[in-house]
């Protein structure tokens, strides 16, 4: 599977923009501190990484069978 560098760059840019907007919203609208935003971001990143790892491992296991 070949990856398109422009699509990857666009996806990273959109993710960064979404993170900046989410941080701004959390601090300005909901009154969360920077530490609370950081902890929430770390938990979300860990859950996303676990989901992607499980998906990758399960798809590889399915191809092996």
N, C-alpha and C. Protein backbone atom coordinates (compact mmCIF):
# COMPACT_ATOMS: atom_id res chain seq x y z
N UNK A 1 0.84 -1.17 0.00
CA UNK A 1 0.00 0.00 0.00
C UNK A 1 0.89 1.24 0.00
N UNK A 2 0.71 2.08 -0.97
CA UNK A 2 1.52 3.29 -1.05
C UNK A 2 0.77 4.46 -0.42
N UNK A 3 1.50 5.28 0.30
CA UNK A 3 0.90 6.42 0.99
C UNK A 3 1.23 7.70 0.22
N UNK A 4 0.26 8.57 0.13
CA UNK A 4 0.43 9.84 -0.54
C UNK A 4 0.97 10.86 0.46
N UNK A 5 2.17 11.40 0.23
CA UNK A 5 2.75 12.36 1.19
C UNK A 5 1.87 13.59 1.41
N UNK A 6 1.21 14.07 0.37
CA UNK A 6 0.35 15.24 0.51
C UNK A 6 -0.84 14.93 1.41
N UNK A 7 -1.41 13.75 1.28
CA UNK A 7 -2.54 13.36 2.12
C UNK A 7 -2.11 13.24 3.58
N UNK A 8 -0.93 12.70 3.81
CA UNK A 8 -0.40 12.58 5.18
C UNK A 8 -0.18 13.97 5.78
N UNK A 9 0.42 14.86 5.00
CA UNK A 9 0.67 16.23 5.47
C UNK A 9 -0.64 16.94 5.78
N UNK A 10 -1.63 16.77 4.93
CA UNK A 10 -2.94 17.38 5.16
C UNK A 10 -3.59 16.83 6.42
N UNK A 11 -3.51 15.51 6.63
CA UNK A 11 -4.09 14.90 7.82
C UNK A 11 -3.42 15.41 9.09
N UNK A 12 -2.10 15.55 9.06
CA UNK A 12 -1.38 16.07 10.23
C UNK A 12 -1.78 17.52 10.50
N UNK A 13 -1.89 18.30 9.44
CA UNK A 13 -2.30 19.70 9.60
C UNK A 13 -3.69 19.83 10.19
N UNK A 14 -4.62 19.01 9.74
CA UNK A 14 -5.98 19.04 10.27
C UNK A 14 -5.98 18.61 11.74
N UNK A 15 -5.17 17.60 12.08
CA UNK A 15 -5.10 17.14 13.46
C UNK A 15 -4.54 18.23 14.38
N UNK A 16 -3.52 18.94 13.91
CA UNK A 16 -2.95 20.03 14.71
C UNK A 16 -3.98 21.14 14.92
N UNK A 17 -4.67 21.50 13.85
CA UNK A 17 -5.70 22.55 13.95
C UNK A 17 -6.80 22.13 14.92
N UNK A 18 -7.24 20.89 14.84
CA UNK A 18 -8.28 20.40 15.75
C UNK A 18 -7.80 20.42 17.20
N UNK A 19 -6.52 20.08 17.42
CA UNK A 19 -5.98 20.10 18.78
C UNK A 19 -5.93 21.52 19.33
N UNK A 20 -5.55 22.48 18.51
CA UNK A 20 -5.49 23.87 18.96
C UNK A 20 -6.89 24.38 19.30
N UNK A 21 -7.86 24.06 18.47
CA UNK A 21 -9.24 24.49 18.72
C UNK A 21 -9.78 23.83 19.99
N UNK A 22 -9.52 22.53 20.16
CA UNK A 22 -9.98 21.83 21.36
C UNK A 22 -9.35 22.40 22.62
N UNK A 23 -8.05 22.73 22.55
CA UNK A 23 -7.37 23.32 23.71
C UNK A 23 -7.97 24.67 24.05
N UNK A 24 -8.18 25.49 23.05
CA UNK A 24 -8.75 26.81 23.26
C UNK A 24 -10.15 26.71 23.86
N UNK A 25 -10.95 25.82 23.33
CA UNK A 25 -12.30 25.63 23.83
C UNK A 25 -12.29 25.15 25.28
N UNK A 26 -11.43 24.19 25.58
CA UNK A 26 -11.38 23.63 26.93
C UNK A 26 -10.97 24.68 27.96
N UNK A 27 -10.01 25.52 27.58
CA UNK A 27 -9.54 26.51 28.55
C UNK A 27 -10.45 27.73 28.64
N UNK A 28 -10.92 28.23 27.50
CA UNK A 28 -11.71 29.46 27.51
C UNK A 28 -13.18 29.24 27.86
N UNK A 29 -13.79 28.21 27.31
CA UNK A 29 -15.22 27.99 27.50
C UNK A 29 -15.53 27.14 28.74
N UNK A 30 -14.69 26.15 29.02
CA UNK A 30 -14.98 25.24 30.13
C UNK A 30 -14.14 25.54 31.37
N UNK A 31 -13.19 26.45 31.27
CA UNK A 31 -12.40 26.86 32.41
C UNK A 31 -11.42 25.82 32.94
N UNK A 32 -10.99 24.91 32.09
CA UNK A 32 -10.03 23.90 32.52
C UNK A 32 -8.63 24.50 32.56
N UNK A 33 -7.81 24.00 33.46
CA UNK A 33 -6.42 24.45 33.53
C UNK A 33 -5.60 23.74 32.47
N UNK A 34 -4.41 24.23 32.23
CA UNK A 34 -3.52 23.61 31.25
C UNK A 34 -3.19 22.16 31.65
N UNK A 35 -3.03 21.93 32.96
CA UNK A 35 -2.72 20.58 33.43
C UNK A 35 -3.87 19.63 33.17
N UNK A 36 -5.10 20.08 33.39
CA UNK A 36 -6.27 19.23 33.14
C UNK A 36 -6.40 18.90 31.65
N UNK A 37 -6.12 19.89 30.80
CA UNK A 37 -6.17 19.66 29.36
C UNK A 37 -5.09 18.67 28.95
N UNK A 38 -3.92 18.79 29.53
CA UNK A 38 -2.80 17.90 29.22
C UNK A 38 -3.12 16.46 29.63
N UNK A 39 -3.68 16.28 30.80
CA UNK A 39 -4.02 14.94 31.28
C UNK A 39 -5.09 14.32 30.37
N UNK A 40 -6.09 15.10 30.01
CA UNK A 40 -7.15 14.59 29.13
C UNK A 40 -6.57 14.22 27.76
N UNK A 41 -5.65 15.03 27.25
CA UNK A 41 -5.03 14.74 25.96
C UNK A 41 -4.19 13.47 26.02
N UNK A 42 -3.47 13.26 27.11
CA UNK A 42 -2.67 12.05 27.26
C UNK A 42 -3.55 10.80 27.34
N UNK A 43 -4.65 10.89 28.05
CA UNK A 43 -5.57 9.76 28.14
C UNK A 43 -6.17 9.45 26.76
N UNK A 44 -6.58 10.49 26.06
CA UNK A 44 -7.15 10.29 24.72
C UNK A 44 -6.12 9.71 23.77
N UNK A 45 -4.89 10.17 23.85
CA UNK A 45 -3.82 9.66 22.98
C UNK A 45 -3.53 8.19 23.29
N UNK A 46 -3.53 7.83 24.58
CA UNK A 46 -3.28 6.44 24.95
C UNK A 46 -4.40 5.52 24.46
N UNK A 47 -5.64 5.98 24.58
CA UNK A 47 -6.76 5.18 24.09
C UNK A 47 -6.72 5.02 22.57
N UNK A 48 -6.39 6.09 21.87
CA UNK A 48 -6.29 6.03 20.42
C UNK A 48 -5.15 5.10 19.99
N UNK A 49 -4.01 5.20 20.67
CA UNK A 49 -2.89 4.32 20.35
C UNK A 49 -3.24 2.85 20.60
N UNK A 50 -3.94 2.58 21.69
CA UNK A 50 -4.36 1.20 21.98
C UNK A 50 -5.32 0.68 20.92
N UNK A 51 -6.26 1.53 20.50
CA UNK A 51 -7.21 1.13 19.47
C UNK A 51 -6.49 0.85 18.15
N UNK A 52 -5.57 1.73 17.75
CA UNK A 52 -4.84 1.53 16.50
C UNK A 52 -3.95 0.29 16.56
N UNK A 53 -3.33 0.05 17.70
CA UNK A 53 -2.49 -1.15 17.84
C UNK A 53 -3.33 -2.41 17.76
N UNK A 54 -4.47 -2.42 18.42
CA UNK A 54 -5.35 -3.59 18.38
C UNK A 54 -5.86 -3.82 16.96
N UNK A 55 -6.24 -2.77 16.29
CA UNK A 55 -6.73 -2.88 14.91
C UNK A 55 -5.64 -3.43 14.00
N UNK A 56 -4.43 -2.92 14.17
CA UNK A 56 -3.31 -3.37 13.35
C UNK A 56 -2.99 -4.84 13.60
N UNK A 57 -2.95 -5.24 14.87
CA UNK A 57 -2.64 -6.62 15.21
C UNK A 57 -3.74 -7.57 14.73
N UNK A 58 -5.00 -7.16 14.86
CA UNK A 58 -6.10 -8.02 14.43
C UNK A 58 -6.16 -8.14 12.92
N UNK A 59 -5.86 -7.06 12.21
CA UNK A 59 -5.88 -7.14 10.75
C UNK A 59 -4.73 -8.00 10.24
N UNK A 60 -3.57 -7.94 10.91
CA UNK A 60 -2.45 -8.80 10.51
C UNK A 60 -2.75 -10.27 10.81
N UNK A 61 -3.42 -10.51 11.93
CA UNK A 61 -3.77 -11.88 12.29
C UNK A 61 -4.79 -12.45 11.30
N UNK A 62 -5.69 -11.59 10.82
CA UNK A 62 -6.67 -12.03 9.84
C UNK A 62 -6.05 -12.35 8.50
N UNK A 63 -4.99 -11.64 8.12
CA UNK A 63 -4.30 -11.90 6.86
C UNK A 63 -3.47 -13.18 6.95
N UNK A 64 -3.02 -13.51 8.14
CA UNK A 64 -2.18 -14.71 8.32
C UNK A 64 -3.00 -15.98 8.17
N UNK A 65 -4.27 -15.90 8.50
CA UNK A 65 -5.13 -17.09 8.43
C UNK A 65 -5.56 -17.36 7.05
